[in-house]
Amino acid sequence: MSVDDRTRNVLKSLNLSDYPCSLERLYAAISLFLSGKITEEGFFKFLGRDTNFERNLIEYLKKLRE
């Protein structure tokens, strides 16, 4: 499965109705992390956020990358 397909699947599984960041930015962060182009630290810096939502999301993404 391609990075784009995995990124779309992740976004579909999330409840983003109250997420304050743009979906395009979130999509890019997920895609970059899944492709290995940014680290966990880079993920948080890219989004400019480090809340429980992003922490839980990064743990999920790490499992997908394995």
Protein backbone atom coordinates (compact mmCIF):
# COMPACT_ATOMS: atom_id res chain seq x y z
CA MET A 1 0.00 0.00 0.00
CA SER A 2 1.37 3.41 -0.93
CA VAL A 3 2.08 6.19 1.57
CA ASP A 4 -0.79 8.21 0.08
CA ASP A 5 -3.21 5.32 0.56
CA ARG A 6 -2.07 4.76 4.14
CA THR A 7 -2.33 8.50 4.85
CA ARG A 8 -5.89 8.65 3.49
CA ASN A 9 -6.86 5.60 5.57
CA VAL A 10 -5.46 7.21 8.72
CA LEU A 11 -7.38 10.45 8.08
CA LYS A 12 -10.60 8.53 7.45
CA SER A 13 -10.26 6.79 10.82
CA LEU A 14 -9.87 10.02 12.82
CA ASN A 15 -12.55 12.30 14.25
CA LEU A 16 -11.30 15.65 12.96
CA SER A 17 -14.40 17.77 13.45
CA ASP A 18 -12.75 19.84 16.20
CA TYR A 19 -9.14 19.66 15.03
CA PRO A 20 -7.74 23.23 14.85
CA CYS A 21 -5.03 22.55 12.26
CA SER A 22 -5.78 22.48 8.53
CA LEU A 23 -6.42 19.02 7.12
CA GLU A 24 -3.91 19.68 4.36
CA ARG A 25 -1.19 20.32 6.93
CA LEU A 26 -2.17 17.21 8.92
CA TYR A 27 -2.18 15.14 5.71
CA ALA A 28 1.30 16.41 4.84
CA ALA A 29 2.64 15.67 8.33
CA ILE A 30 1.25 12.13 8.29
CA SER A 31 2.56 11.49 4.80
CA LEU A 32 6.03 12.84 5.60
CA PHE A 33 6.24 10.78 8.78
CA LEU A 34 5.05 7.56 7.13
CA SER A 35 7.57 8.01 4.31
CA GLY A 36 10.39 8.59 6.81
CA LYS A 37 11.08 12.13 5.63
CA ILE A 38 10.50 13.63 9.08
CA THR A 39 11.05 12.33 12.59
CA GLU A 40 8.65 12.27 15.49
CA GLU A 41 10.04 15.62 16.61
CA GLY A 42 9.65 16.97 13.08
CA PHE A 43 6.03 15.80 13.05
CA PHE A 44 5.21 17.92 16.11
CA LYS A 45 7.17 20.91 14.82
CA PHE A 46 5.49 20.68 11.42
CA LEU A 47 2.04 20.79 13.04
CA GLY A 48 3.05 23.29 15.67
CA ARG A 49 1.17 21.23 18.25
CA ASP A 50 1.98 18.58 20.85
CA THR A 51 -1.25 17.50 22.55
CA ASN A 52 -2.64 14.10 23.50
CA PHE A 53 -4.26 13.87 20.07
CA GLU A 54 -0.93 14.21 18.26
CA ARG A 55 0.84 11.93 20.77
CA ASN A 56 -1.76 9.19 20.23
CA LEU A 57 -1.63 9.71 16.49
CA ILE A 58 2.17 9.43 16.36
CA GLU A 59 2.05 6.17 18.32
CA TYR A 60 -0.46 4.81 15.81
CA LEU A 61 1.68 5.97 12.89
CA LYS A 62 4.77 4.31 14.36
CA LYS A 63 2.91 1.00 14.35
CA LEU A 64 1.94 1.52 10.72
CA ARG A 65 5.57 2.20 9.78
CA GLU A 66 6.80 -1.10 11.29
